[in-house]
Structures are given as C-alpha cells and as structure tokens.
N, C-alpha and C. Protein backbone atom coordinates (compact mmCIF):
# COMPACT_ATOMS: atom_id res chain seq x y z
N MET A 1 128.50 109.70 93.18
CA MET A 1 127.23 110.10 92.58
C MET A 1 126.32 108.91 92.30
N PRO A 2 126.83 107.80 91.76
CA PRO A 2 125.95 106.66 91.53
C PRO A 2 125.39 106.08 92.84
N GLU A 3 126.16 106.22 93.93
CA GLU A 3 125.69 105.73 95.21
C GLU A 3 124.46 106.50 95.67
N LEU A 4 124.43 107.78 95.39
CA LEU A 4 123.28 108.61 95.75
C LEU A 4 122.04 108.20 94.96
N LEU A 5 122.21 107.88 93.70
CA LEU A 5 121.09 107.42 92.88
C LEU A 5 120.56 106.08 93.37
N VAL A 6 121.46 105.18 93.74
CA VAL A 6 121.05 103.88 94.27
C VAL A 6 120.30 104.06 95.59
N LEU A 7 120.79 104.96 96.45
CA LEU A 7 120.11 105.23 97.72
C LEU A 7 118.71 105.78 97.49
N CYS A 8 118.58 106.71 96.56
CA CYS A 8 117.26 107.27 96.25
C CYS A 8 116.33 106.20 95.69
N PHE A 9 116.85 105.33 94.85
CA PHE A 9 116.05 104.26 94.27
C PHE A 9 115.61 103.27 95.35
N MET A 10 116.48 103.02 96.33
CA MET A 10 116.15 102.08 97.40
C MET A 10 115.12 102.64 98.38
N LEU A 11 114.95 103.95 98.43
CA LEU A 11 113.98 104.57 99.34
C LEU A 11 112.57 104.60 98.77
N ILE A 12 112.41 104.27 97.50
CA ILE A 12 111.09 104.34 96.87
C ILE A 12 110.06 103.43 97.56
N PRO A 13 110.35 102.15 97.86
CA PRO A 13 109.33 101.33 98.53
C PRO A 13 108.96 101.85 99.92
N GLN A 14 109.93 102.41 100.63
CA GLN A 14 109.65 102.95 101.96
C GLN A 14 108.74 104.17 101.87
N LEU A 15 109.01 105.03 100.92
CA LEU A 15 108.17 106.22 100.75
C LEU A 15 106.77 105.85 100.29
N VAL A 16 106.68 104.90 99.38
CA VAL A 16 105.37 104.45 98.90
C VAL A 16 104.56 103.86 100.06
N ALA A 17 105.20 103.01 100.88
CA ALA A 17 104.50 102.40 102.01
C ALA A 17 104.07 103.46 103.01
N GLY A 18 104.92 104.43 103.29
CA GLY A 18 104.58 105.49 104.23
C GLY A 18 103.42 106.36 103.76
N VAL A 19 103.46 106.75 102.52
CA VAL A 19 102.39 107.60 101.96
C VAL A 19 101.08 106.82 101.88
N PHE A 20 101.17 105.57 101.46
CA PHE A 20 99.97 104.75 101.36
C PHE A 20 99.35 104.54 102.75
N ALA A 21 100.19 104.30 103.75
CA ALA A 21 99.70 104.12 105.12
C ALA A 21 99.07 105.41 105.63
N LYS A 22 99.68 106.53 105.36
CA LYS A 22 99.14 107.83 105.81
C LYS A 22 97.78 108.09 105.18
N ASN A 23 97.60 107.75 103.91
CA ASN A 23 96.32 107.93 103.24
C ASN A 23 95.24 107.01 103.81
N MET A 24 95.67 105.91 104.41
CA MET A 24 94.72 104.97 105.01
C MET A 24 94.42 105.31 106.47
N GLY A 25 95.08 106.36 106.99
CA GLY A 25 94.84 106.76 108.37
C GLY A 25 95.77 106.06 109.36
N LYS A 26 96.86 105.55 108.89
CA LYS A 26 97.82 104.87 109.75
C LYS A 26 99.09 105.70 109.86
N SER A 27 100.01 105.28 110.71
CA SER A 27 101.23 106.03 110.97
C SER A 27 102.21 105.94 109.80
N PHE A 28 102.61 107.10 109.29
CA PHE A 28 103.57 107.16 108.20
C PHE A 28 104.91 106.56 108.62
N TRP A 29 105.43 107.04 109.77
CA TRP A 29 106.77 106.63 110.20
C TRP A 29 106.84 105.16 110.57
N PHE A 30 105.80 104.61 111.17
CA PHE A 30 105.80 103.18 111.52
C PHE A 30 105.96 102.34 110.26
N TRP A 31 105.14 102.61 109.26
CA TRP A 31 105.19 101.81 108.04
C TRP A 31 106.42 102.12 107.20
N PHE A 32 106.94 103.34 107.32
CA PHE A 32 108.18 103.68 106.64
C PHE A 32 109.32 102.82 107.16
N PHE A 33 109.44 102.67 108.48
CA PHE A 33 110.52 101.87 109.07
C PHE A 33 110.27 100.38 108.92
N ILE A 34 109.01 99.95 108.98
CA ILE A 34 108.71 98.53 108.76
C ILE A 34 109.13 98.12 107.35
N SER A 35 108.95 99.01 106.40
CA SER A 35 109.29 98.65 105.03
C SER A 35 110.80 98.60 104.79
N PHE A 36 111.61 99.11 105.73
CA PHE A 36 113.05 98.87 105.64
C PHE A 36 113.36 97.41 105.91
N LEU A 37 112.61 96.82 106.86
CA LEU A 37 112.86 95.43 107.22
C LEU A 37 112.31 94.47 106.18
N ILE A 38 111.07 94.73 105.75
CA ILE A 38 110.41 93.85 104.78
C ILE A 38 109.73 94.71 103.72
N PRO A 39 110.47 95.19 102.73
CA PRO A 39 109.94 96.20 101.80
C PRO A 39 108.70 95.78 101.02
N ILE A 40 108.73 94.69 100.33
CA ILE A 40 107.60 94.32 99.47
C ILE A 40 106.47 93.74 100.31
N VAL A 41 106.81 92.97 101.34
CA VAL A 41 105.80 92.34 102.20
C VAL A 41 104.97 93.41 102.91
N SER A 42 105.61 94.50 103.34
CA SER A 42 104.86 95.55 104.03
C SER A 42 103.82 96.20 103.11
N LEU A 43 104.15 96.35 101.84
CA LEU A 43 103.18 96.90 100.89
C LEU A 43 102.00 95.95 100.70
N ILE A 44 102.27 94.67 100.64
CA ILE A 44 101.20 93.68 100.49
C ILE A 44 100.30 93.67 101.72
N VAL A 45 100.91 93.76 102.90
CA VAL A 45 100.13 93.80 104.15
C VAL A 45 99.25 95.04 104.18
N LEU A 46 99.77 96.17 103.76
CA LEU A 46 98.98 97.41 103.74
C LEU A 46 97.78 97.30 102.82
N LEU A 47 97.91 96.57 101.74
CA LEU A 47 96.79 96.41 100.81
C LEU A 47 95.61 95.68 101.45
N PHE A 48 95.90 94.78 102.39
CA PHE A 48 94.85 93.98 102.99
C PHE A 48 94.32 94.53 104.31
N LEU A 49 94.91 95.60 104.84
CA LEU A 49 94.43 96.19 106.08
C LEU A 49 93.20 97.05 105.84
N ASP A 50 92.41 97.22 106.88
CA ASP A 50 91.22 98.07 106.78
C ASP A 50 91.62 99.54 106.72
N ASN A 51 90.82 100.29 106.01
CA ASN A 51 91.03 101.72 105.89
C ASN A 51 90.40 102.41 107.08
N LYS A 52 91.20 103.11 107.90
CA LYS A 52 90.66 103.81 109.07
C LYS A 52 89.93 105.09 108.69
N LYS A 53 90.24 105.66 107.55
CA LYS A 53 89.60 106.90 107.13
C LYS A 53 88.24 106.67 106.48
N GLU A 54 87.90 105.43 106.28
CA GLU A 54 86.65 105.10 105.63
C GLU A 54 85.48 105.61 106.48
N GLU A 55 84.57 106.31 105.87
CA GLU A 55 83.41 106.84 106.60
C GLU A 55 82.48 105.70 106.97
N ARG A 56 82.20 105.61 108.23
CA ARG A 56 81.32 104.53 108.69
C ARG A 56 80.07 105.14 109.31
N GLN A 57 78.98 104.45 109.14
CA GLN A 57 77.71 104.91 109.66
C GLN A 57 77.59 104.64 111.15
N GLY A 58 78.38 103.78 111.68
CA GLY A 58 78.29 103.38 113.08
C GLY A 58 77.79 101.95 113.15
N TYR A 59 77.52 101.53 114.35
CA TYR A 59 77.07 100.16 114.55
C TYR A 59 75.57 100.05 114.32
N GLU A 60 75.17 98.94 113.79
CA GLU A 60 73.75 98.69 113.58
C GLU A 60 73.17 98.12 114.87
N LEU A 61 72.01 98.63 115.25
CA LEU A 61 71.37 98.17 116.47
C LEU A 61 70.82 96.76 116.30
N ALA A 62 70.80 96.03 117.38
CA ALA A 62 70.22 94.69 117.36
C ALA A 62 68.70 94.79 117.21
N ASP A 63 68.08 93.71 116.77
CA ASP A 63 66.63 93.73 116.52
C ASP A 63 65.83 94.08 117.76
N HIS A 64 66.21 93.53 118.92
CA HIS A 64 65.42 93.81 120.12
C HIS A 64 65.55 95.27 120.55
N VAL A 65 66.66 95.94 120.23
CA VAL A 65 66.81 97.35 120.56
C VAL A 65 65.99 98.20 119.60
N LYS A 66 65.95 97.81 118.33
CA LYS A 66 65.14 98.55 117.36
C LYS A 66 63.67 98.51 117.75
N LYS A 67 63.21 97.35 118.19
CA LYS A 67 61.81 97.21 118.58
C LYS A 67 61.51 98.05 119.81
N ARG A 68 62.44 98.12 120.74
CA ARG A 68 62.22 98.85 121.97
C ARG A 68 62.15 100.35 121.71
N ASP A 69 62.91 100.85 120.72
CA ASP A 69 62.94 102.27 120.44
C ASP A 69 61.70 102.77 119.71
N LYS A 70 60.96 101.88 119.07
CA LYS A 70 59.75 102.30 118.38
C LYS A 70 58.66 102.56 119.42
N PRO A 71 57.90 103.63 119.23
CA PRO A 71 56.82 103.90 120.20
C PRO A 71 55.74 102.82 120.10
N GLN A 72 55.29 102.38 121.24
CA GLN A 72 54.24 101.37 121.32
C GLN A 72 52.88 102.07 121.24
N LEU A 73 52.05 101.66 120.31
CA LEU A 73 50.70 102.21 120.20
C LEU A 73 49.78 101.48 121.17
N PRO A 74 48.97 102.21 121.88
CA PRO A 74 48.06 101.54 122.81
C PRO A 74 47.04 100.70 122.05
N THR A 75 46.76 99.55 122.56
CA THR A 75 45.78 98.67 121.93
C THR A 75 44.51 98.66 122.78
N ASN A 76 43.40 98.59 122.11
CA ASN A 76 42.10 98.53 122.83
C ASN A 76 41.74 97.05 123.03
N SER A 77 41.97 96.56 124.23
CA SER A 77 41.64 95.17 124.49
C SER A 77 40.54 95.10 125.50
C-alpha cells in the first residue's frame, strides 16, 4: 500500500507538466514522458516556451506594403 502512495506522489510532476503543456497548445503525452526523464527541468522549460493558444492578430505589414495598399489620390499637376 505505501508503494502505491509513493507511485502516485511521483506522478504529480508528470501530470502537472502534461496538463500545463496541453493548456499551452502542446502535446500532453510528449511533455508527460519528457518529465519522467527530467521532472523539474521540464516544468521550467514549459514556463519559458511560447503559448500556441495565444490569440494573435497576424503579421504586421511592412511600411512599403501599407503605402501600396492605400488608394492613390490623383494630383493636379
């Protein structure tokens, strides 16, 4: 019985890493197994990775493209 409790306690970092990765839009199982190899380091790495689920507006156009898209008004020369 105590072995079962120790096993459950040892799975906590793996589950935390997997759930945290899934919430960030990454693979649950990949980070779950990575955290078996390096439990605390994997959590630290996850904290510094970009969030894939973050809503992004897209890429900003370069200045010369913005100018080209604006309609040119005819000038009286």
